[in-house]
Amino acid sequence: MKVKYGAAWVGLTAAAMAAATACGSDGAKTAAETAGRAVDKADTVMAALTRATDRTQELGSAEVRTTTDLGSGEPVAMDGTYSWGDGYALDVEMDAEAVQMQELTDSPTVRTLFVDGAYYYDIDPQPAGPLEGKEWMKIDGSAVFGESGAAAMAGGAGEGSPADSMKGLKYASDVDDLGKETVNGKPTTHYRAVLDEKDMGKFKDAFKGADSMLNSGGASITMEVWVGADDLPVRLKQDFGAMTVTMDFDKWGATKDIVAPPADQVGDLTQEVKDAGLQQG
C-alpha cells in the first residue's frame, strides 16, 4: 500500500516538535551580559522567568492545548498530555482533516503518542501493506529531526519538552516585561524573549542540521510567556520564522503515564517516510 503522506506526517511531527522546542543553554550568555540593557529591570524579568522555569520543571507534566501554524494550510490543534519527568513524551488528539490523515481513519481526530523517540498514530487497520491489520502507525523521530536531533529529543532529561523550552528563556538575548493581562480567565504577567541561534545550544541541530528534514525558517526564536500568580506559565507562544506555536496550560502534574502501543499492533513506516522526505528534497 502506498501511503499518501502530504502534510500528514510533516504536519503532525512538526507540530509536536515545534510545540515543545528545546533551547539548550550550553555556551549561552546570561541576560546581564548583554550590553545596553536596563540591568535592574532585566534582573527582575529574569528572576520571574527563572521561577517559572523551575516550577515547570518541578511538576513534570501538564495538560496542554496547542495550536501550530506551519505558515501554509490549516493550523494544527493538539490537545492532551505532555510529560517530561522521565524523558519527553506526549499523548494528544488532533483533527484528522487538518493533518490530512482522514484517509487513514474514519475518526474525526487522530490520537498521537510520542514515546522513546518515536511517534505513534492511532489509525484504522488497512487492507494491505505495512499497516495491514495494524491499529497504530509508527514513525521514528529520526525521520523528522535527523539522527542528531532525534537523539536529543529522546534524551532522559526531558529535552524537547515545555520545561526545556522554558529553560531557554533564561538565556535569551533580549527580554521585556509587557505588563499585566488576563489569559484564560487568569491574571498574568506577559513577557517576551528573543533567542538567537547562539542561544539554542545543542538543539539547533534539530533545526539546522544537514540531516534534518525541518528548518526553523529563521535565525532566531521569539518566545512570549504569560505567567500566573503561581509562577507557572498560563500560555507559551513561540515564533520560528513562518511557524507559530501557541500552548495553553490547563492542568499541571499528576497526569497519566504515556506508554507505547503493543508491538503487534504497530506498523512501522519510518523508512518510507525517510524515502519520501529525500524525494521531496
Protein backbone atom coordinates (compact mmCIF):
# COMPACT_ATOMS: atom_id res chain seq x y z
CA MET A 1 0.00 0.00 0.00
CA LYS A 2 1.30 3.43 -0.91
CA VAL A 3 0.52 5.93 1.83
CA LYS A 4 -0.24 9.48 0.78
CA TYR A 5 1.86 11.44 3.24
CA GLY A 6 1.43 15.02 2.02
CA ALA A 7 1.25 17.25 5.07
CA ALA A 8 0.12 14.39 7.29
CA TRP A 9 3.39 13.22 8.78
CA VAL A 10 5.06 16.60 8.26
CA GLY A 11 2.28 18.47 9.98
CA LEU A 12 1.93 16.11 12.90
CA THR A 13 5.59 15.74 13.70
CA ALA A 14 6.44 19.37 13.00
CA ALA A 15 3.64 20.44 15.29
CA ALA A 16 4.75 18.13 18.06
CA MET A 17 8.39 19.15 17.81
CA ALA A 18 7.78 22.86 17.43
CA ALA A 19 5.30 22.95 20.27
CA ALA A 20 7.97 21.79 22.64
CA THR A 21 11.15 23.07 21.08
CA ALA A 22 14.05 22.96 23.50
CA CYS A 23 16.54 25.76 23.59
CA GLY A 24 19.55 24.41 25.43
CA SER A 25 21.76 26.68 27.49
CA ASP A 26 25.20 25.33 26.58
CA GLY A 27 27.51 28.22 25.89
CA ALA A 28 24.77 30.86 26.08
CA LYS A 29 25.29 34.25 27.64
CA THR A 30 23.27 35.36 30.64
CA ALA A 31 20.94 38.29 30.29
CA ALA A 32 23.11 40.58 32.41
CA GLU A 33 25.97 40.25 29.90
CA THR A 34 24.00 41.90 27.11
CA ALA A 35 25.15 45.49 26.67
CA GLY A 36 22.67 48.35 26.52
CA ARG A 37 20.04 46.66 28.71
CA ALA A 38 18.46 48.22 31.76
CA VAL A 39 20.09 45.89 34.28
CA ASP A 40 17.67 46.31 37.16
CA LYS A 41 14.61 45.71 35.01
CA ALA A 42 16.26 42.79 33.22
CA ASP A 43 17.20 41.19 36.53
CA THR A 44 13.58 41.45 37.69
CA VAL A 45 12.32 39.87 34.46
CA MET A 46 14.91 37.11 34.52
CA ALA A 47 14.12 36.31 38.15
CA ALA A 48 10.45 35.88 37.24
CA LEU A 49 11.27 33.69 34.23
CA THR A 50 13.65 31.60 36.32
CA ARG A 51 10.93 30.95 38.91
CA ALA A 52 8.50 29.94 36.17
CA THR A 53 11.10 27.64 34.61
CA ASP A 54 11.90 25.96 37.89
CA ARG A 55 8.22 25.40 38.71
CA THR A 56 7.55 23.96 35.24
CA GLN A 57 10.48 21.57 35.52
CA GLU A 58 9.45 20.51 39.02
CA LEU A 59 5.90 19.47 38.14
CA GLY A 60 6.97 17.20 35.27
CA SER A 61 3.78 17.12 33.17
CA ALA A 62 0.79 19.15 32.06
CA GLU A 63 -2.48 19.03 30.16
CA VAL A 64 -1.98 21.37 27.20
CA ARG A 65 -3.93 22.82 24.28
CA THR A 66 -1.56 23.54 21.42
CA THR A 67 -2.08 25.25 18.07
CA THR A 68 0.65 25.12 15.43
CA ASP A 69 0.53 27.32 12.34
CA LEU A 70 3.05 25.98 9.83
CA GLY A 71 2.65 29.02 7.61
CA SER A 72 0.62 27.15 4.99
CA GLY A 73 -2.67 25.35 5.22
CA GLU A 74 -4.90 24.93 8.25
CA PRO A 75 -3.30 25.28 11.70
CA VAL A 76 -2.87 22.02 13.60
CA ALA A 77 -4.59 21.82 17.01
CA MET A 78 -3.31 19.31 19.58
CA ASP A 79 -4.98 18.71 22.95
CA GLY A 80 -3.61 16.33 25.57
CA THR A 81 -0.78 15.43 27.90
CA TYR A 82 2.88 16.44 27.75
CA SER A 83 5.28 14.72 30.14
CA TRP A 84 8.98 15.43 30.85
CA GLY A 85 9.63 13.95 34.26
CA ASP A 86 11.36 10.87 32.81
CA GLY A 87 12.12 11.77 29.20
CA TYR A 88 9.89 13.66 26.82
CA ALA A 89 6.54 12.09 25.89
CA LEU A 90 3.12 13.23 24.70
CA ASP A 91 -0.38 11.84 24.23
CA VAL A 92 -2.61 14.17 22.20
CA GLU A 93 -5.65 14.29 19.93
CA MET A 94 -5.55 16.17 16.62
CA ASP A 95 -8.04 16.97 13.91
CA ALA A 96 -7.64 14.30 11.22
CA GLU A 97 -8.53 16.57 8.32
CA ALA A 98 -6.23 19.38 9.45
CA VAL A 99 -3.26 16.99 9.31
CA GLN A 100 -4.53 15.26 6.16
CA MET A 101 -4.88 11.83 7.74
CA GLN A 102 -8.57 11.34 7.00
CA GLU A 103 -7.67 8.59 4.51
CA LEU A 104 -6.20 6.51 7.33
CA THR A 105 -9.03 6.82 9.85
CA ASP A 106 -12.77 7.33 9.96
CA SER A 107 -12.41 9.16 13.25
CA PRO A 108 -12.56 12.97 13.15
CA THR A 109 -9.48 13.05 15.38
CA VAL A 110 -6.18 11.17 15.45
CA ARG A 111 -4.63 10.13 18.75
CA THR A 112 -0.87 10.64 18.60
CA LEU A 113 1.78 9.41 21.03
CA PHE A 114 5.45 10.35 21.27
CA VAL A 115 7.28 7.75 23.34
CA ASP A 116 11.00 6.85 23.48
CA GLY A 117 11.80 8.98 20.45
CA ALA A 118 9.05 7.68 18.12
CA TYR A 119 5.61 8.85 17.03
CA TYR A 120 2.59 6.51 17.03
CA TYR A 121 -0.64 7.42 15.20
CA ASP A 122 -3.91 5.65 16.03
CA ILE A 123 -5.37 4.65 12.64
CA ASP A 124 -7.86 2.20 11.16
CA PRO A 125 -6.32 -1.14 10.10
CA GLN A 126 -5.51 -1.01 6.38
CA PRO A 127 -6.33 -3.77 3.87
CA ALA A 128 -2.76 -4.25 2.62
CA GLY A 129 0.84 -3.16 3.03
CA PRO A 130 2.81 -2.45 6.23
CA LEU A 131 -0.32 -1.19 8.01
CA GLU A 132 -2.42 -4.25 7.18
CA GLY A 133 -4.39 -5.20 10.28
CA LYS A 134 -2.48 -2.66 12.42
CA GLU A 135 -4.06 -0.22 14.86
CA TRP A 136 -1.05 2.09 15.03
CA MET A 137 1.37 3.69 12.54
CA LYS A 138 4.90 4.31 13.82
CA ILE A 139 7.36 6.92 12.55
CA ASP A 140 10.72 7.21 14.32
CA GLY A 141 11.85 10.70 15.27
CA SER A 142 14.96 10.32 13.11
CA ALA A 143 12.74 10.54 10.02
CA VAL A 144 11.78 14.07 11.05
CA PHE A 145 14.61 15.56 13.09
CA GLY A 146 17.54 13.66 11.59
CA GLU A 147 19.68 11.35 13.69
CA SER A 148 21.26 14.07 15.83
CA GLY A 149 18.00 15.89 16.53
CA ALA A 150 16.20 12.65 17.35
CA ALA A 151 18.92 11.63 19.80
CA ALA A 152 18.48 14.91 21.63
CA MET A 153 14.68 14.67 21.63
CA ALA A 154 14.81 11.16 23.10
CA GLY A 155 17.12 12.18 25.94
CA GLY A 156 16.36 11.30 29.53
CA ALA A 157 16.20 14.83 30.91
CA GLY A 158 13.04 15.95 29.17
CA GLU A 159 14.75 17.65 26.22
CA GLY A 160 12.14 18.89 23.78
CA SER A 161 9.50 19.38 26.47
CA PRO A 162 7.74 22.60 27.51
CA ALA A 163 10.08 22.65 30.51
CA ASP A 164 13.12 22.72 28.25
CA SER A 165 11.56 25.48 26.16
CA MET A 166 11.16 27.48 29.35
CA LYS A 167 14.85 26.96 30.16
CA GLY A 168 15.74 28.87 27.03
CA LEU A 169 14.07 31.98 28.40
CA LYS A 170 16.83 32.37 30.97
CA TYR A 171 19.43 32.74 28.23
CA ALA A 172 17.57 34.93 25.76
CA SER A 173 19.40 37.77 24.03
CA ASP A 174 16.60 40.20 24.78
CA VAL A 175 13.73 40.16 27.31
CA ASP A 176 10.81 42.50 28.05
CA ASP A 177 8.00 42.81 30.58
CA LEU A 178 4.90 43.65 28.52
CA GLY A 179 2.63 44.18 31.51
CA LYS A 180 -0.44 42.60 33.08
CA GLU A 181 -3.00 40.65 31.01
CA THR A 182 -5.87 38.27 31.67
CA VAL A 183 -5.45 34.97 29.79
CA ASN A 184 -7.94 32.08 30.01
CA GLY A 185 -9.61 33.90 32.87
CA LYS A 186 -6.36 34.13 34.89
CA PRO A 187 -4.36 37.24 35.79
CA THR A 188 -0.88 37.01 34.26
CA THR A 189 2.27 38.97 33.50
CA HIS A 190 3.24 38.95 29.83
CA TYR A 191 6.94 38.51 28.99
CA ARG A 192 8.75 38.38 25.64
CA ALA A 193 12.18 36.94 24.91
CA VAL A 194 14.26 36.60 21.73
CA LEU A 195 16.65 33.68 21.36
CA ASP A 196 19.29 33.91 18.65
CA GLU A 197 20.85 30.82 17.11
CA LYS A 198 23.79 31.06 19.50
CA ASP A 199 21.35 30.73 22.42
CA MET A 200 19.83 27.46 21.19
CA GLY A 201 22.61 25.15 22.34
CA LYS A 202 22.63 21.56 21.13
CA PHE A 203 19.05 21.70 19.85
CA LYS A 204 19.94 23.94 16.92
CA ASP A 205 20.79 20.67 15.15
CA ALA A 206 17.09 19.83 15.21
CA PHE A 207 16.50 22.93 13.08
CA LYS A 208 19.68 23.48 11.08
CA GLY A 209 21.41 20.10 10.92
CA ALA A 210 22.25 18.78 7.47
CA ASP A 211 20.35 15.56 8.22
CA SER A 212 17.24 17.34 9.47
CA MET A 213 14.04 17.47 7.43
CA LEU A 214 12.79 20.58 9.23
CA ASN A 215 14.05 24.13 9.22
CA SER A 216 13.06 26.81 11.66
CA GLY A 217 12.72 29.32 8.84
CA GLY A 218 14.74 31.94 10.70
CA ALA A 219 17.88 32.66 12.68
CA SER A 220 16.04 33.38 15.93
CA ILE A 221 13.04 32.33 18.01
CA THR A 222 10.69 34.83 19.61
CA MET A 223 9.07 33.45 22.74
CA GLU A 224 6.21 35.02 24.68
CA VAL A 225 5.04 33.65 28.01
CA TRP A 226 2.14 34.67 30.23
CA VAL A 227 2.99 33.74 33.84
CA GLY A 228 0.31 33.39 36.51
CA ALA A 229 0.38 34.26 40.20
CA ASP A 230 1.58 30.72 41.00
CA ASP A 231 4.76 31.23 38.92
CA LEU A 232 3.51 28.79 36.26
CA PRO A 233 3.02 29.63 32.59
CA VAL A 234 -0.60 30.02 31.50
CA ARG A 235 0.34 30.44 27.84
CA LEU A 236 3.58 29.99 25.87
CA LYS A 237 3.92 31.27 22.30
CA GLN A 238 6.90 30.59 20.03
CA ASP A 239 7.61 32.07 16.58
CA PHE A 240 10.07 30.17 14.35
CA GLY A 241 10.17 32.17 11.13
CA ALA A 242 6.94 31.22 9.33
CA MET A 243 5.91 28.76 12.07
CA THR A 244 3.99 29.84 15.17
CA VAL A 245 3.16 27.60 18.13
CA THR A 246 0.84 28.55 20.98
CA MET A 247 0.43 26.40 24.10
CA ASP A 248 -2.26 26.92 26.74
CA PHE A 249 -1.69 25.05 30.00
CA ASP A 250 -4.82 23.74 31.71
CA LYS A 251 -3.55 21.38 34.41
CA TRP A 252 -0.16 20.73 35.98
CA GLY A 253 1.31 17.49 37.31
CA ALA A 254 -0.34 14.18 38.22
CA THR A 255 -1.12 13.39 34.58
CA LYS A 256 -1.45 9.90 33.13
CA ASP A 257 1.50 7.69 32.16
CA ILE A 258 2.33 7.57 28.46
CA VAL A 259 3.42 4.21 27.04
CA ALA A 260 3.97 2.84 23.53
CA PRO A 261 1.26 0.62 21.98
CA PRO A 262 1.79 -3.19 21.94
CA ALA A 263 4.33 -4.09 19.25
CA ASP A 264 1.96 -6.50 17.48
CA GLN A 265 -0.47 -3.63 16.86
CA VAL A 266 2.14 -1.38 15.22
CA GLY A 267 3.10 -0.93 11.57
CA ASP A 268 6.46 0.86 11.12
CA LEU A 269 6.61 3.35 8.24
CA THR A 270 9.85 5.07 9.26
CA GLN A 271 11.83 4.07 6.19
CA GLU A 272 9.03 5.03 3.81
CA VAL A 273 8.81 8.44 5.39
CA LYS A 274 12.59 8.90 5.15
CA ASP A 275 12.47 7.92 1.49
CA ALA A 276 9.59 10.31 0.83
CA GLY A 277 11.49 13.11 2.52
CA LEU A 278 14.56 12.52 0.39
CA GLN A 279 12.41 12.59 -2.74
CA GLN A 280 10.94 15.90 -1.68
CA GLY A 281 14.45 17.32 -1.36
